[in-house]
Amino acid sequence: MRHSAEHREIQRNLRKQKIRFLKNNWDLYLFLIPGISYFILFHYIPMYGVQLAFRDFNPLQGITGSDWVGLDHFQRLVTSYQFWPILRNTFVLNIYGFLWTFPIPILLALMLNQMRQQRYKKFIQTIIYAPNFISVVVVVGMLRVFLSPRVGFLSHLFVALGAKERMFIAVPEFFRSLYIGSGIWQTAGFGSIIYLAALASVNPELHEAAIVDGAGKLGRIRHIDIPAITPTIIIMLLMALGSALAVGFEKVFLLQSPLNLPVSEVISTYTYQVGLVDGDFGFSTAVGLFNSLVCLVLLILFNKISAKVTEVSLW
């Protein structure tokens, strides 16, 4: 009884401390209102419309008034002749993109961290960060100009190297390379900021001690820098693997054409086609919900594997 009373007294004191802290710092919590409002308005309230995936939506009857069809839309999706090609295109594009785009920011961060000339380091950082601020529409427009059969210098370069003159941006074999290559150019530099921030926390004395022991740059990178950013790499890896089906819509849609459609049709563009173009809102919601559920399952799975193997996880 005495221990129970002491425990209740400790809990009561902790609650008083929390209340006192909130009263003393209430103005700081006001800064949370815009962020919380954003997530409530644009992420949680729209979840009300998820029930469209289980209804035969009729605009005249509204969401709740439309007929309940259960899992019919999901059954239609899985049995559709387009399902497996679209799923394969989505996985292949994401896996290829992951294999190429994930390691490059890490390499850039490691190389930039080794630069001691601050003037050149800042200049290179500016150059590689700048493409991230270019709109996807502008990037695709640049690709169309550069690969134009008449005025595109890349098109002329390919022809000079022995390739057949054609509209390269519409060729199915070039679609994935263009999508991934432009993504690396646009995001790799900015993506290295996270790893540079992790490297900034490394104690300089470790490098000084390693230099005294005769370690070169590669040795210090291998035994000091990489272990220091390993937790960050694992977290970013989990987030990337958990979004295996979350291929961006904008660039795929802008690069898409009737000629490369067999390899460029992914879940996000298919959702747009059946939802906004064909007006089948219930089925398109089911497609989007299927995509989100698969990403959620993958995220939970890889997070559990990482927690057991590396003891680093998102939660």
C-alpha atoms as a PDB file:
ATOM      1  CA  MET A   1       0.000   0.000   0.000  1.00  0.00           C
ATOM      2  CA  ARG A   2       2.831   2.372   0.820  1.00  0.00           C
ATOM      3  CA  HIS A   3       4.492   1.792  -2.587  1.00  0.00           C
ATOM      4  CA  SER A   4       1.160   2.300  -4.330  1.00  0.00           C
ATOM      5  CA  ALA A   5       0.606   5.608  -2.551  1.00  0.00           C
ATOM      6  CA  GLU A   6       4.135   6.751  -3.450  1.00  0.00           C
ATOM      7  CA  HIS A   7       3.549   5.802  -7.081  1.00  0.00           C
ATOM      8  CA  ARG A   8       0.311   7.819  -7.182  1.00  0.00           C
ATOM      9  CA  GLU A   9       2.070  10.770  -5.611  1.00  0.00           C
ATOM     10  CA  ILE A  10       4.846  10.616  -8.230  1.00  0.00           C
ATOM     11  CA  GLN A  11       2.288  10.465 -11.043  1.00  0.00           C
ATOM     12  CA  ARG A  12       0.438  13.431  -9.567  1.00  0.00           C
ATOM     13  CA  ASN A  13       3.638  15.460  -9.366  1.00  0.00           C
ATOM     14  CA  LEU A  14       4.524  14.608 -12.958  1.00  0.00           C
ATOM     15  CA  ARG A  15       1.089  15.767 -14.157  1.00  0.00           C
ATOM     16  CA  LYS A  16       1.502  19.012 -12.252  1.00  0.00           C
ATOM     17  CA  GLN A  17       4.904  19.562 -13.837  1.00  0.00           C
ATOM     18  CA  LYS A  18       3.481  18.959 -17.314  1.00  0.00           C
ATOM     19  CA  ILE A  19       0.594  21.356 -16.714  1.00  0.00           C
ATOM     20  CA  ARG A  20       2.996  23.982 -15.345  1.00  0.00           C
ATOM     21  CA  PHE A  21       5.262  23.522 -18.382  1.00  0.00           C
ATOM     22  CA  LEU A  22       2.325  23.947 -20.774  1.00  0.00           C
ATOM     23  CA  LYS A  23       1.178  27.107 -18.996  1.00  0.00           C
ATOM     24  CA  ASN A  24       4.661  28.608 -19.100  1.00  0.00           C
ATOM     25  CA  ASN A  25       5.244  27.777 -22.779  1.00  0.00           C
ATOM     26  CA  TRP A  26       1.731  28.018 -24.257  1.00  0.00           C
ATOM     27  CA  ASP A  27       2.873  30.569 -26.843  1.00  0.00           C
ATOM     28  CA  LEU A  28       5.370  28.093 -28.328  1.00  0.00           C
ATOM     29  CA  TYR A  29       2.610  25.572 -28.958  1.00  0.00           C
ATOM     30  CA  LEU A  30       0.783  28.119 -31.099  1.00  0.00           C
ATOM     31  CA  PHE A  31       3.393  27.431 -33.799  1.00  0.00           C
ATOM     32  CA  LEU A  32       2.036  23.868 -34.041  1.00  0.00           C
ATOM     33  CA  ILE A  33      -1.388  25.064 -35.159  1.00  0.00           C
ATOM     34  CA  PRO A  34      -0.542  25.570 -38.889  1.00  0.00           C
ATOM     35  CA  GLY A  35       1.111  22.140 -39.174  1.00  0.00           C
ATOM     36  CA  ILE A  36      -1.644  20.333 -37.286  1.00  0.00           C
ATOM     37  CA  SER A  37      -4.312  22.161 -39.307  1.00  0.00           C
ATOM     38  CA  TYR A  38      -2.628  21.148 -42.544  1.00  0.00           C
ATOM     39  CA  PHE A  39      -2.628  17.454 -41.668  1.00  0.00           C
ATOM     40  CA  ILE A  40      -6.216  17.561 -40.390  1.00  0.00           C
ATOM     41  CA  LEU A  41      -7.581  19.404 -43.433  1.00  0.00           C
ATOM     42  CA  PHE A  42      -5.630  17.699 -46.198  1.00  0.00           C
ATOM     43  CA  HIS A  43      -4.810  14.248 -44.795  1.00  0.00           C
ATOM     44  CA  TYR A  44      -7.370  13.162 -42.202  1.00  0.00           C
ATOM     45  CA  ILE A  45     -10.636  14.786 -43.336  1.00  0.00           C
ATOM     46  CA  PRO A  46     -10.226  13.478 -46.945  1.00  0.00           C
ATOM     47  CA  MET A  47     -10.015   9.951 -45.507  1.00  0.00           C
ATOM     48  CA  TYR A  48     -13.815  10.186 -45.262  1.00  0.00           C
ATOM     49  CA  GLY A  49     -13.857   9.595 -49.020  1.00  0.00           C
ATOM     50  CA  VAL A  50     -12.036   6.256 -48.740  1.00  0.00           C
ATOM     51  CA  GLN A  51     -15.446   4.586 -48.496  1.00  0.00           C
ATOM     52  CA  LEU A  52     -15.842   5.305 -52.216  1.00  0.00           C
ATOM     53  CA  ALA A  53     -13.682   2.219 -52.758  1.00  0.00           C
ATOM     54  CA  PHE A  54     -16.557   0.130 -51.386  1.00  0.00           C
ATOM     55  CA  ARG A  55     -19.462   1.938 -53.081  1.00  0.00           C
ATOM     56  CA  ASP A  56     -20.860   2.313 -56.583  1.00  0.00           C
ATOM     57  CA  PHE A  57     -20.569   6.077 -56.471  1.00  0.00           C
ATOM     58  CA  ASN A  58     -23.409   8.157 -57.908  1.00  0.00           C
ATOM     59  CA  PRO A  59     -22.920  11.954 -57.746  1.00  0.00           C
ATOM     60  CA  LEU A  60     -26.667  12.501 -57.390  1.00  0.00           C
ATOM     61  CA  GLN A  61     -26.890  10.213 -54.354  1.00  0.00           C
ATOM     62  CA  GLY A  62     -23.649  11.361 -52.722  1.00  0.00           C
ATOM     63  CA  ILE A  63     -21.034   9.240 -50.988  1.00  0.00           C
ATOM     64  CA  THR A  64     -23.174   7.812 -48.192  1.00  0.00           C
ATOM     65  CA  GLY A  65     -26.215   7.426 -50.428  1.00  0.00           C
ATOM     66  CA  SER A  66     -24.462   5.377 -53.115  1.00  0.00           C
ATOM     67  CA  ASP A  67     -24.932   1.627 -53.190  1.00  0.00           C
ATOM     68  CA  TRP A  68     -22.534  -0.473 -51.105  1.00  0.00           C
ATOM     69  CA  VAL A  69     -20.653  -2.971 -53.298  1.00  0.00           C
ATOM     70  CA  GLY A  70     -18.097  -4.261 -50.804  1.00  0.00           C
ATOM     71  CA  LEU A  71     -14.938  -5.631 -52.407  1.00  0.00           C
ATOM     72  CA  ASP A  72     -16.270  -5.665 -55.986  1.00  0.00           C
ATOM     73  CA  HIS A  73     -13.913  -2.904 -57.123  1.00  0.00           C
ATOM     74  CA  PHE A  74     -10.898  -4.736 -55.697  1.00  0.00           C
ATOM     75  CA  GLN A  75     -11.968  -7.979 -57.362  1.00  0.00           C
ATOM     76  CA  ARG A  76     -12.352  -6.112 -60.636  1.00  0.00           C
ATOM     77  CA  LEU A  77      -8.865  -4.659 -60.214  1.00  0.00           C
ATOM     78  CA  VAL A  78      -7.155  -7.971 -59.487  1.00  0.00           C
ATOM     79  CA  THR A  79      -8.930  -9.780 -62.342  1.00  0.00           C
ATOM     80  CA  SER A  80      -8.315  -7.001 -64.867  1.00  0.00           C
ATOM     81  CA  TYR A  81      -5.960  -7.832 -67.739  1.00  0.00           C
ATOM     82  CA  GLN A  82      -4.188  -4.516 -67.064  1.00  0.00           C
ATOM     83  CA  PHE A  83      -3.480  -5.225 -63.386  1.00  0.00           C
ATOM     84  CA  TRP A  84      -0.314  -7.327 -63.623  1.00  0.00           C
ATOM     85  CA  PRO A  85       1.385  -5.258 -66.376  1.00  0.00           C
ATOM     86  CA  ILE A  86       0.686  -2.066 -64.414  1.00  0.00           C
ATOM     87  CA  LEU A  87       1.878  -3.614 -61.157  1.00  0.00           C
ATOM     88  CA  ARG A  88       5.032  -4.907 -62.866  1.00  0.00           C
ATOM     89  CA  ASN A  89       5.754  -1.496 -64.437  1.00  0.00           C
ATOM     90  CA  THR A  90       5.330   0.184 -61.051  1.00  0.00           C
ATOM     91  CA  PHE A  91       7.616  -2.237 -59.237  1.00  0.00           C
ATOM     92  CA  VAL A  92      10.278  -2.270 -61.962  1.00  0.00           C
ATOM     93  CA  LEU A  93      10.383   1.521 -62.240  1.00  0.00           C
ATOM     94  CA  ASN A  94      10.605   1.917 -58.474  1.00  0.00           C
ATOM     95  CA  ILE A  95      13.224  -0.814 -58.007  1.00  0.00           C
ATOM     96  CA  TYR A  96      15.426   0.524 -60.809  1.00  0.00           C
ATOM     97  CA  GLY A  97      15.046   4.016 -59.407  1.00  0.00           C
ATOM     98  CA  PHE A  98      15.907   2.825 -55.911  1.00  0.00           C
ATOM     99  CA  LEU A  99      19.036   0.949 -57.033  1.00  0.00           C
ATOM    100  CA  TRP A 100      20.371   4.025 -58.810  1.00  0.00           C
ATOM    101  CA  THR A 101      19.072   6.995 -56.821  1.00  0.00           C
ATOM    102  CA  PHE A 102      19.489   5.746 -53.241  1.00  0.00           C
ATOM    103  CA  PRO A 103      23.316   5.300 -53.124  1.00  0.00           C
ATOM    104  CA  ILE A 104      24.233   8.465 -55.058  1.00  0.00           C
ATOM    105  CA  PRO A 105      23.251  11.025 -52.348  1.00  0.00           C
ATOM    106  CA  ILE A 106      25.318   9.007 -49.866  1.00  0.00           C
ATOM    107  CA  LEU A 107      28.358   9.086 -52.165  1.00  0.00           C
ATOM    108  CA  LEU A 108      27.915  12.815 -52.785  1.00  0.00           C
ATOM    109  CA  ALA A 109      27.697  13.502 -49.053  1.00  0.00           C
ATOM    110  CA  LEU A 110      30.836  11.465 -48.334  1.00  0.00           C
ATOM    111  CA  MET A 111      32.785  13.245 -51.072  1.00  0.00           C
ATOM    112  CA  LEU A 112      31.585  16.721 -50.059  1.00  0.00           C
ATOM    113  CA  ASN A 113      32.445  15.988 -46.443  1.00  0.00           C
ATOM    114  CA  GLN A 114      36.050  15.305 -47.419  1.00  0.00           C
ATOM    115  CA  MET A 115      36.478  18.661 -49.179  1.00  0.00           C
ATOM    116  CA  ARG A 116      38.454  21.150 -47.127  1.00  0.00           C
ATOM    117  CA  GLN A 117      38.337  24.113 -49.530  1.00  0.00           C
ATOM    118  CA  GLN A 118      35.130  25.788 -48.368  1.00  0.00           C
ATOM    119  CA  ARG A 119      34.907  28.042 -51.442  1.00  0.00           C
ATOM    120  CA  TYR A 120      34.856  25.139 -53.894  1.00  0.00           C
ATOM    121  CA  LYS A 121      32.682  23.069 -51.573  1.00  0.00           C
ATOM    122  CA  LYS A 122      29.982  25.758 -51.430  1.00  0.00           C
ATOM    123  CA  PHE A 123      30.196  26.265 -55.195  1.00  0.00           C
ATOM    124  CA  ILE A 124      29.720  22.542 -55.877  1.00  0.00           C
ATOM    125  CA  GLN A 125      26.878  22.360 -53.361  1.00  0.00           C
ATOM    126  CA  THR A 126      25.112  25.239 -55.087  1.00  0.00           C
ATOM    127  CA  ILE A 127      25.476  23.540 -58.464  1.00  0.00           C
ATOM    128  CA  ILE A 128      24.134  20.165 -57.344  1.00  0.00           C
ATOM    129  CA  TYR A 129      21.355  21.612 -55.148  1.00  0.00           C
ATOM    130  CA  ALA A 130      19.975  23.960 -57.816  1.00  0.00           C
ATOM    131  CA  PRO A 131      18.172  21.332 -59.979  1.00  0.00           C
ATOM    132  CA  ASN A 132      15.950  20.402 -57.022  1.00  0.00           C
ATOM    133  CA  PHE A 133      14.232  23.780 -57.306  1.00  0.00           C
ATOM    134  CA  ILE A 134      13.357  23.290 -60.965  1.00  0.00           C
ATOM    135  CA  SER A 135       9.762  22.301 -61.611  1.00  0.00           C
ATOM    136  CA  VAL A 136       9.085  18.781 -62.905  1.00  0.00           C
ATOM    137  CA  VAL A 137       7.243  20.346 -65.834  1.00  0.00           C
ATOM    138  CA  VAL A 138      10.356  22.355 -66.733  1.00  0.00           C
ATOM    139  CA  VAL A 139      12.583  19.272 -66.406  1.00  0.00           C
ATOM    140  CA  VAL A 140      10.378  17.273 -68.790  1.00  0.00           C
ATOM    141  CA  GLY A 141      10.267  20.246 -71.164  1.00  0.00           C
ATOM    142  CA  MET A 142      14.066  20.342 -71.140  1.00  0.00           C
ATOM    143  CA  LEU A 143      14.185  16.618 -71.926  1.00  0.00           C
ATOM    144  CA  ARG A 144      11.829  17.082 -74.863  1.00  0.00           C
ATOM    145  CA  VAL A 145      13.989  19.883 -76.253  1.00  0.00           C
ATOM    146  CA  PHE A 146      17.292  18.074 -75.676  1.00  0.00           C
ATOM    147  CA  LEU A 147      15.945  14.876 -77.291  1.00  0.00           C
ATOM    148  CA  SER A 148      14.190  16.545 -80.183  1.00  0.00           C
ATOM    149  CA  PRO A 149      15.212  14.887 -83.500  1.00  0.00           C
ATOM    150  CA  ARG A 150      15.772  18.285 -85.125  1.00  0.00           C
ATOM    151  CA  VAL A 151      17.275  20.609 -82.484  1.00  0.00           C
ATOM    152  CA  GLY A 152      18.133  18.363 -79.557  1.00  0.00           C
ATOM    153  CA  PHE A 153      21.865  18.121 -78.884  1.00  0.00           C
ATOM    154  CA  LEU A 154      21.440  14.800 -77.047  1.00  0.00           C
ATOM    155  CA  SER A 155      19.563  13.379 -80.017  1.00  0.00           C
ATOM    156  CA  HIS A 156      22.347  14.491 -82.365  1.00  0.00           C
ATOM    157  CA  LEU A 157      24.929  13.020 -79.986  1.00  0.00           C
ATOM    158  CA  PHE A 158      23.176   9.623 -79.977  1.00  0.00           C
ATOM    159  CA  VAL A 159      22.994   9.660 -83.765  1.00  0.00           C
ATOM    160  CA  ALA A 160      26.689  10.567 -83.987  1.00  0.00           C
ATOM    161  CA  LEU A 161      27.464   7.570 -81.778  1.00  0.00           C
ATOM    162  CA  GLY A 162      25.661   5.264 -84.171  1.00  0.00           C
ATOM    163  CA  ALA A 163      22.062   5.265 -82.950  1.00  0.00           C
ATOM    164  CA  LYS A 164      19.172   5.477 -85.371  1.00  0.00           C
ATOM    165  CA  GLU A 165      17.536   8.908 -85.622  1.00  0.00           C
ATOM    166  CA  ARG A 166      14.149   8.849 -83.888  1.00  0.00           C
ATOM    167  CA  MET A 167      12.046  10.465 -81.182  1.00  0.00           C
ATOM    168  CA  PHE A 168      13.992   9.052 -78.237  1.00  0.00           C
ATOM    169  CA  ILE A 169      11.613  10.381 -75.593  1.00  0.00           C
ATOM    170  CA  ALA A 170       8.801   8.257 -77.051  1.00  0.00           C
ATOM    171  CA  VAL A 171      10.807   5.029 -77.352  1.00  0.00           C
ATOM    172  CA  PRO A 172       9.746   2.501 -74.669  1.00  0.00           C
ATOM    173  CA  GLU A 173      13.331   1.318 -74.119  1.00  0.00           C
ATOM    174  CA  PHE A 174      14.411   4.854 -73.155  1.00  0.00           C
ATOM    175  CA  PHE A 175      11.533   5.708 -70.809  1.00  0.00           C
ATOM    176  CA  ARG A 176      12.936   4.215 -67.591  1.00  0.00           C
ATOM    177  CA  SER A 177      16.437   5.564 -68.251  1.00  0.00           C
ATOM    178  CA  LEU A 178      15.076   9.064 -68.855  1.00  0.00           C
ATOM    179  CA  TYR A 179      12.846   8.935 -65.786  1.00  0.00           C
ATOM    180  CA  ILE A 180      15.584   7.677 -63.458  1.00  0.00           C
ATOM    181  CA  GLY A 181      18.408   9.739 -64.952  1.00  0.00           C
ATOM    182  CA  SER A 182      16.483  13.008 -64.738  1.00  0.00           C
ATOM    183  CA  GLY A 183      15.469  12.114 -61.186  1.00  0.00           C
ATOM    184  CA  ILE A 184      19.092  11.588 -60.163  1.00  0.00           C
ATOM    185  CA  TRP A 185      20.116  14.909 -61.699  1.00  0.00           C
ATOM    186  CA  GLN A 186      17.258  16.736 -60.013  1.00  0.00           C
ATOM    187  CA  THR A 187      17.205  15.264 -56.497  1.00  0.00           C
ATOM    188  CA  ALA A 188      20.535  13.597 -55.681  1.00  0.00           C
ATOM    189  CA  GLY A 189      22.319  16.771 -54.586  1.00  0.00           C
ATOM    190  CA  PHE A 190      19.520  17.979 -52.360  1.00  0.00           C
ATOM    191  CA  GLY A 191      19.055  14.489 -50.949  1.00  0.00           C
ATOM    192  CA  SER A 192      22.650  14.477 -49.742  1.00  0.00           C
ATOM    193  CA  ILE A 193      21.829  17.225 -47.212  1.00  0.00           C
ATOM    194  CA  ILE A 194      20.414  14.669 -44.754  1.00  0.00           C
ATOM    195  CA  TYR A 195      23.631  12.649 -44.820  1.00  0.00           C
ATOM    196  CA  LEU A 196      25.802  15.768 -44.596  1.00  0.00           C
ATOM    197  CA  ALA A 197      23.876  16.757 -41.464  1.00  0.00           C
ATOM    198  CA  ALA A 198      24.579  13.317 -39.986  1.00  0.00           C
ATOM    199  CA  LEU A 199      28.270  13.593 -40.894  1.00  0.00           C
ATOM    200  CA  ALA A 200      28.453  17.006 -39.210  1.00  0.00           C
ATOM    201  CA  SER A 201      27.830  15.300 -35.863  1.00  0.00           C
ATOM    202  CA  VAL A 202      30.994  13.183 -36.165  1.00  0.00           C
ATOM    203  CA  ASN A 203      33.604  14.179 -33.598  1.00  0.00           C
ATOM    204  CA  PRO A 204      36.611  15.719 -35.457  1.00  0.00           C
ATOM    205  CA  GLU A 205      38.908  14.129 -32.892  1.00  0.00           C
ATOM    206  CA  LEU A 206      38.123  10.731 -34.388  1.00  0.00           C
ATOM    207  CA  HIS A 207      39.514  11.834 -37.740  1.00  0.00           C
ATOM    208  CA  GLU A 208      42.533  13.433 -36.090  1.00  0.00           C
ATOM    209  CA  ALA A 209      43.277  10.231 -34.194  1.00  0.00           C
ATOM    210  CA  ALA A 210      42.847   8.178 -37.358  1.00  0.00           C
ATOM    211  CA  ILE A 211      45.256  10.464 -39.250  1.00  0.00           C
ATOM    212  CA  VAL A 212      47.831  10.071 -36.477  1.00  0.00           C
ATOM    213  CA  ASP A 213      47.441   6.292 -36.797  1.00  0.00           C
ATOM    214  CA  GLY A 214      48.163   6.582 -40.518  1.00  0.00           C
ATOM    215  CA  ALA A 215      44.634   6.121 -41.913  1.00  0.00           C
ATOM    216  CA  GLY A 216      43.967   7.582 -45.348  1.00  0.00           C
ATOM    217  CA  LYS A 217      40.768   9.199 -46.611  1.00  0.00           C
ATOM    218  CA  LEU A 218      39.216   5.935 -47.744  1.00  0.00           C
ATOM    219  CA  GLY A 219      40.035   4.305 -44.426  1.00  0.00           C
ATOM    220  CA  ARG A 220      38.473   7.166 -42.466  1.00  0.00           C
ATOM    221  CA  ILE A 221      35.383   7.098 -44.661  1.00  0.00           C
ATOM    222  CA  ARG A 222      35.041   3.353 -44.172  1.00  0.00           C
ATOM    223  CA  HIS A 223      35.650   3.184 -40.421  1.00  0.00           C
ATOM    224  CA  ILE A 224      34.349   6.575 -39.201  1.00  0.00           C
ATOM    225  CA  ASP A 225      31.980   8.285 -41.630  1.00  0.00           C
ATOM    226  CA  ILE A 226      29.962   5.297 -42.865  1.00  0.00           C
ATOM    227  CA  PRO A 227      29.315   3.867 -39.352  1.00  0.00           C
ATOM    228  CA  ALA A 228      28.271   7.366 -38.226  1.00  0.00           C
ATOM    229  CA  ILE A 229      25.577   7.690 -40.909  1.00  0.00           C
ATOM    230  CA  THR A 230      24.480   4.038 -40.882  1.00  0.00           C
ATOM    231  CA  PRO A 231      21.362   4.706 -38.726  1.00  0.00           C
ATOM    232  CA  THR A 232      20.358   7.524 -41.079  1.00  0.00           C
ATOM    233  CA  ILE A 233      20.918   5.273 -44.101  1.00  0.00           C
ATOM    234  CA  ILE A 234      18.729   2.570 -42.568  1.00  0.00           C
ATOM    235  CA  ILE A 235      15.896   5.013 -41.811  1.00  0.00           C
ATOM    236  CA  MET A 236      16.002   6.414 -45.347  1.00  0.00           C
ATOM    237  CA  LEU A 237      16.199   2.863 -46.710  1.00  0.00           C
ATOM    238  CA  LEU A 238      13.072   1.868 -44.783  1.00  0.00           C
ATOM    239  CA  MET A 239      11.165   4.869 -46.082  1.00  0.00           C
ATOM    240  CA  ALA A 240      12.254   4.110 -49.648  1.00  0.00           C
ATOM    241  CA  LEU A 241      11.383   0.411 -49.434  1.00  0.00           C
ATOM    242  CA  GLY A 242       8.063   1.194 -47.788  1.00  0.00           C
ATOM    243  CA  SER A 243       7.029   3.267 -50.798  1.00  0.00           C
ATOM    244  CA  ALA A 244       7.780   0.585 -53.380  1.00  0.00           C
ATOM    245  CA  LEU A 245       4.553   1.368 -55.254  1.00  0.00           C
ATOM    246  CA  ALA A 246       4.543   5.118 -54.701  1.00  0.00           C
ATOM    247  CA  VAL A 247       5.915   6.166 -58.088  1.00  0.00           C
ATOM    248  CA  GLY A 248       5.483   9.886 -58.629  1.00  0.00           C
ATOM    249  CA  PHE A 249       2.601  10.811 -60.891  1.00  0.00           C
ATOM    250  CA  GLU A 250       3.715  14.099 -62.432  1.00  0.00           C
ATOM    251  CA  LYS A 251       6.877  13.088 -64.267  1.00  0.00           C
ATOM    252  CA  VAL A 252       5.508   9.716 -65.398  1.00  0.00           C
ATOM    253  CA  PHE A 253       2.405  11.392 -66.768  1.00  0.00           C
ATOM    254  CA  LEU A 254       4.368  14.128 -68.551  1.00  0.00           C
ATOM    255  CA  LEU A 255       6.800  11.630 -70.112  1.00  0.00           C
ATOM    256  CA  GLN A 256       3.997   9.286 -71.103  1.00  0.00           C
ATOM    257  CA  SER A 257       2.972   8.847 -74.730  1.00  0.00           C
ATOM    258  CA  PRO A 258       0.984   6.249 -76.706  1.00  0.00           C
ATOM    259  CA  LEU A 259       4.267   4.711 -77.896  1.00  0.00           C
ATOM    260  CA  ASN A 260       5.829   4.126 -74.466  1.00  0.00           C
ATOM    261  CA  LEU A 261       2.546   3.328 -72.691  1.00  0.00           C
ATOM    262  CA  PRO A 262       3.356  -0.406 -72.324  1.00  0.00           C
ATOM    263  CA  VAL A 263       6.200   0.459 -69.905  1.00  0.00           C
ATOM    264  CA  SER A 264       5.040   3.848 -68.577  1.00  0.00           C
ATOM    265  CA  GLU A 265       1.543   2.981 -67.338  1.00  0.00           C
ATOM    266  CA  VAL A 266       1.846   2.756 -63.540  1.00  0.00           C
ATOM    267  CA  ILE A 267      -0.681   2.666 -60.719  1.00  0.00           C
ATOM    268  CA  SER A 268      -0.775   6.426 -60.207  1.00  0.00           C
ATOM    269  CA  THR A 269      -1.433   7.216 -63.878  1.00  0.00           C
ATOM    270  CA  TYR A 270      -3.938   4.369 -64.119  1.00  0.00           C
ATOM    271  CA  THR A 271      -5.815   5.829 -61.132  1.00  0.00           C
ATOM    272  CA  TYR A 272      -5.924   9.196 -62.893  1.00  0.00           C
ATOM    273  CA  GLN A 273      -7.156   7.596 -66.108  1.00  0.00           C
ATOM    274  CA  VAL A 274     -10.020   5.589 -64.609  1.00  0.00           C
ATOM    275  CA  GLY A 275     -10.917   8.239 -62.022  1.00  0.00           C
ATOM    276  CA  LEU A 276     -10.769  11.660 -63.637  1.00  0.00           C
ATOM    277  CA  VAL A 277     -10.831  10.765 -67.324  1.00  0.00           C
ATOM    278  CA  ASP A 278     -13.282   7.850 -67.283  1.00  0.00           C
ATOM    279  CA  GLY A 279     -15.216   9.120 -64.263  1.00  0.00           C
ATOM    280  CA  ASP A 280     -15.160   5.797 -62.392  1.00  0.00           C
ATOM    281  CA  PHE A 281     -14.471   7.327 -58.977  1.00  0.00           C
ATOM    282  CA  GLY A 282     -15.210   4.222 -56.917  1.00  0.00           C
ATOM    283  CA  PHE A 283     -12.853   2.001 -58.880  1.00  0.00           C
ATOM    284  CA  SER A 284     -10.077   4.626 -58.943  1.00  0.00           C
ATOM    285  CA  THR A 285     -10.387   5.023 -55.161  1.00  0.00           C
ATOM    286  CA  ALA A 286     -10.034   1.250 -54.792  1.00  0.00           C
ATOM    287  CA  VAL A 287      -6.873   1.344 -56.928  1.00  0.00           C
ATOM    288  CA  GLY A 288      -5.391   4.140 -54.832  1.00  0.00           C
ATOM    289  CA  LEU A 289      -6.358   2.402 -51.585  1.00  0.00           C
ATOM    290  CA  PHE A 290      -4.766  -0.837 -52.784  1.00  0.00           C
ATOM    291  CA  ASN A 291      -1.571   1.082 -53.541  1.00  0.00           C
ATOM    292  CA  SER A 292      -1.536   2.694 -50.081  1.00  0.00           C
ATOM    293  CA  LEU A 293      -2.220  -0.590 -48.268  1.00  0.00           C
ATOM    294  CA  VAL A 294       0.612  -2.380 -50.069  1.00  0.00           C
ATOM    295  CA  CYS A 295       2.996   0.468 -49.172  1.00  0.00           C
ATOM    296  CA  LEU A 296       1.855   0.311 -45.545  1.00  0.00           C
ATOM    297  CA  VAL A 297       2.366  -3.467 -45.345  1.00  0.00           C
ATOM    298  CA  LEU A 298       5.834  -3.176 -46.889  1.00  0.00           C
ATOM    299  CA  LEU A 299       6.794  -0.382 -44.506  1.00  0.00           C
ATOM    300  CA  ILE A 300       5.710  -2.391 -41.441  1.00  0.00           C
ATOM    301  CA  LEU A 301       7.442  -5.532 -42.737  1.00  0.00           C
ATOM    302  CA  PHE A 302      10.771  -3.871 -43.502  1.00  0.00           C
ATOM    303  CA  ASN A 303      10.638  -1.909 -40.240  1.00  0.00           C
ATOM    304  CA  LYS A 304      10.275  -5.133 -38.235  1.00  0.00           C
ATOM    305  CA  ILE A 305      13.099  -6.789 -40.176  1.00  0.00           C
ATOM    306  CA  SER A 306      15.354  -3.788 -39.572  1.00  0.00           C
ATOM    307  CA  ALA A 307      14.489  -3.716 -35.867  1.00  0.00           C
ATOM    308  CA  LYS A 308      15.520  -7.357 -35.483  1.00  0.00           C
ATOM    309  CA  VAL A 309      18.616  -7.259 -37.683  1.00  0.00           C
ATOM    310  CA  THR A 310      20.081  -3.806 -37.039  1.00  0.00           C
ATOM    311  CA  GLU A 311      18.147  -2.606 -33.955  1.00  0.00           C
ATOM    312  CA  VAL A 312      17.308   0.578 -35.886  1.00  0.00           C
ATOM    313  CA  SER A 313      13.694   1.249 -36.850  1.00  0.00           C
ATOM    314  CA  LEU A 314      11.171   4.003 -37.457  1.00  0.00           C
ATOM    315  CA  TRP A 315       9.225   3.080 -34.323  1.00  0.00           C
END
